[in-house]
């Protein structure tokens, strides 16, 4: 029951709040990774996504 109360809702946090939460967690902990990945996934990539299926088909 306590675990349910301690669940953190990343979608309700601002970027700064989520970053502060992630940095407050133990280094390399699963929760820290989860928070940082959630933060990264909020923003689109600046790099174009290039499919390599054409190159694989030619092999």
N, C-alpha and C. Protein backbone atom coordinates (compact mmCIF):
# COMPACT_ATOMS: atom_id res chain seq x y z
N UNK A 1 0.82 -1.19 0.00
CA UNK A 1 0.00 0.00 0.00
C UNK A 1 0.87 1.26 0.00
N UNK A 2 1.96 1.24 0.73
CA UNK A 2 2.85 2.40 0.75
C UNK A 2 3.47 2.63 -0.62
N UNK A 3 3.75 1.54 -1.33
CA UNK A 3 4.33 1.68 -2.66
C UNK A 3 3.40 2.44 -3.59
N UNK A 4 2.10 2.22 -3.45
CA UNK A 4 1.13 2.95 -4.27
C UNK A 4 1.15 4.44 -3.96
N UNK A 5 1.34 4.78 -2.70
CA UNK A 5 1.37 6.19 -2.31
C UNK A 5 2.64 6.88 -2.79
N UNK A 6 3.71 6.13 -2.96
CA UNK A 6 4.98 6.70 -3.35
C UNK A 6 5.20 6.72 -4.86
N UNK A 7 4.21 6.27 -5.64
CA UNK A 7 4.36 6.28 -7.09
C UNK A 7 4.49 7.72 -7.57
N UNK A 8 5.44 7.93 -8.44
CA UNK A 8 5.67 9.26 -8.98
C UNK A 8 5.09 9.30 -10.39
N UNK A 9 4.34 10.34 -10.67
CA UNK A 9 3.74 10.50 -11.99
C UNK A 9 4.56 11.49 -12.79
N UNK A 10 5.42 10.94 -13.65
CA UNK A 10 6.32 11.78 -14.43
C UNK A 10 5.57 12.75 -15.34
N UNK A 11 4.44 12.31 -15.88
CA UNK A 11 3.70 13.16 -16.83
C UNK A 11 3.15 14.42 -16.17
N UNK A 12 3.01 14.41 -14.85
CA UNK A 12 2.49 15.59 -14.15
C UNK A 12 3.60 16.54 -13.70
N UNK A 13 4.85 16.15 -13.88
CA UNK A 13 5.98 16.98 -13.46
C UNK A 13 6.47 17.84 -14.62
N UNK A 14 6.99 19.01 -14.29
CA UNK A 14 7.65 19.83 -15.30
C UNK A 14 9.03 19.22 -15.56
N UNK A 15 9.68 19.67 -16.61
CA UNK A 15 11.02 19.17 -16.92
C UNK A 15 11.98 19.41 -15.77
N UNK A 16 11.92 20.61 -15.19
CA UNK A 16 12.82 20.93 -14.08
C UNK A 16 12.55 20.06 -12.85
N UNK A 17 11.28 19.82 -12.56
CA UNK A 17 10.93 18.96 -11.42
C UNK A 17 11.40 17.53 -11.65
N UNK A 18 11.20 17.04 -12.87
CA UNK A 18 11.61 15.68 -13.19
C UNK A 18 13.12 15.53 -13.13
N UNK A 19 13.83 16.53 -13.63
CA UNK A 19 15.30 16.51 -13.58
C UNK A 19 15.78 16.52 -12.13
N UNK A 20 15.19 17.35 -11.30
CA UNK A 20 15.57 17.41 -9.88
C UNK A 20 15.26 16.09 -9.19
N UNK A 21 14.13 15.49 -9.51
CA UNK A 21 13.77 14.19 -8.93
C UNK A 21 14.79 13.13 -9.34
N UNK A 22 15.14 13.10 -10.62
CA UNK A 22 16.10 12.10 -11.12
C UNK A 22 17.45 12.27 -10.44
N UNK A 23 17.89 13.51 -10.26
CA UNK A 23 19.19 13.75 -9.63
C UNK A 23 19.18 13.46 -8.14
N UNK A 24 18.00 13.39 -7.54
CA UNK A 24 17.93 13.09 -6.11
C UNK A 24 17.99 11.59 -5.82
N UNK A 25 17.85 10.79 -6.86
CA UNK A 25 17.86 9.33 -6.69
C UNK A 25 19.28 8.79 -6.68
N UNK A 26 19.48 7.59 -6.14
CA UNK A 26 20.82 6.99 -6.16
C UNK A 26 21.33 6.82 -7.59
N UNK A 27 22.61 7.07 -7.78
CA UNK A 27 23.23 6.99 -9.10
C UNK A 27 23.09 5.59 -9.68
N UNK A 28 22.67 5.51 -10.93
CA UNK A 28 22.49 4.26 -11.68
C UNK A 28 21.39 3.36 -11.14
N UNK A 29 20.48 3.91 -10.36
CA UNK A 29 19.36 3.11 -9.87
C UNK A 29 18.32 2.98 -10.98
N UNK A 30 17.53 1.92 -10.95
CA UNK A 30 16.48 1.77 -11.97
C UNK A 30 15.50 2.95 -12.01
N UNK A 31 15.18 3.49 -10.86
CA UNK A 31 14.27 4.64 -10.81
C UNK A 31 14.89 5.87 -11.47
N UNK A 32 16.21 6.05 -11.28
CA UNK A 32 16.88 7.18 -11.91
C UNK A 32 16.86 7.03 -13.43
N UNK A 33 17.17 5.83 -13.91
CA UNK A 33 17.12 5.58 -15.35
C UNK A 33 15.71 5.84 -15.89
N UNK A 34 14.70 5.36 -15.18
CA UNK A 34 13.32 5.54 -15.62
C UNK A 34 12.97 7.03 -15.73
N UNK A 35 13.37 7.81 -14.75
CA UNK A 35 13.08 9.25 -14.76
C UNK A 35 13.83 9.95 -15.89
N UNK A 36 15.08 9.62 -16.09
CA UNK A 36 15.86 10.28 -17.14
C UNK A 36 15.36 9.90 -18.53
N UNK A 37 15.00 8.64 -18.72
CA UNK A 37 14.47 8.22 -20.02
C UNK A 37 13.13 8.90 -20.29
N UNK A 38 12.32 9.03 -19.27
CA UNK A 38 11.05 9.73 -19.41
C UNK A 38 11.28 11.19 -19.82
N UNK A 39 12.27 11.81 -19.23
CA UNK A 39 12.61 13.19 -19.56
C UNK A 39 13.09 13.30 -21.01
N UNK A 40 13.94 12.40 -21.42
CA UNK A 40 14.46 12.41 -22.79
C UNK A 40 13.35 12.18 -23.81
N UNK A 41 12.43 11.27 -23.50
CA UNK A 41 11.36 10.94 -24.44
C UNK A 41 10.34 12.06 -24.61
N UNK A 42 10.37 13.06 -23.78
CA UNK A 42 9.43 14.18 -23.91
C UNK A 42 9.74 15.05 -25.11
N UNK A 43 10.97 15.02 -25.56
CA UNK A 43 11.41 15.92 -26.61
C UNK A 43 11.81 15.12 -27.85
N UNK A 44 11.39 15.61 -28.99
CA UNK A 44 11.73 14.94 -30.24
C UNK A 44 13.21 15.03 -30.54
N UNK A 45 13.67 14.15 -31.36
CA UNK A 45 15.07 14.11 -31.73
C UNK A 45 15.39 15.23 -32.72
N UNK A 46 16.58 15.78 -32.61
CA UNK A 46 17.03 16.78 -33.56
C UNK A 46 17.65 16.12 -34.79
N UNK A 47 17.88 14.83 -34.70
CA UNK A 47 18.48 14.10 -35.80
C UNK A 47 17.39 13.39 -36.61
N UNK A 48 17.50 13.43 -37.93
CA UNK A 48 16.50 12.73 -38.74
C UNK A 48 16.64 11.21 -38.57
N UNK A 49 15.52 10.54 -38.58
CA UNK A 49 15.54 9.09 -38.48
C UNK A 49 15.63 8.53 -39.89
N UNK A 50 16.67 7.77 -40.15
CA UNK A 50 16.91 7.22 -41.48
C UNK A 50 16.75 5.71 -41.41
N UNK A 51 15.91 5.20 -42.26
CA UNK A 51 15.68 3.76 -42.30
C UNK A 51 16.78 3.10 -43.12
N UNK A 52 17.27 1.97 -42.65
CA UNK A 52 18.29 1.24 -43.40
C UNK A 52 17.72 -0.04 -44.02
N UNK A 53 16.40 -0.11 -44.11
CA UNK A 53 15.77 -1.30 -44.67
C UNK A 53 16.16 -1.50 -46.13
N UNK A 54 16.33 -0.42 -46.88
CA UNK A 54 16.73 -0.52 -48.28
C UNK A 54 18.11 -1.17 -48.40
N UNK A 55 19.05 -0.76 -47.56
CA UNK A 55 20.40 -1.32 -47.59
C UNK A 55 20.39 -2.79 -47.20
N UNK A 56 19.56 -3.16 -46.26
CA UNK A 56 19.48 -4.56 -45.85
C UNK A 56 18.88 -5.43 -46.95
N UNK A 57 17.92 -4.88 -47.68
CA UNK A 57 17.27 -5.64 -48.75
C UNK A 57 18.24 -5.91 -49.89
N UNK A 58 19.20 -5.01 -50.10
CA UNK A 58 20.17 -5.17 -51.19
C UNK A 58 21.26 -6.17 -50.85
N UNK A 59 21.42 -6.54 -49.60
CA UNK A 59 22.48 -7.47 -49.20
C UNK A 59 22.19 -8.87 -49.60
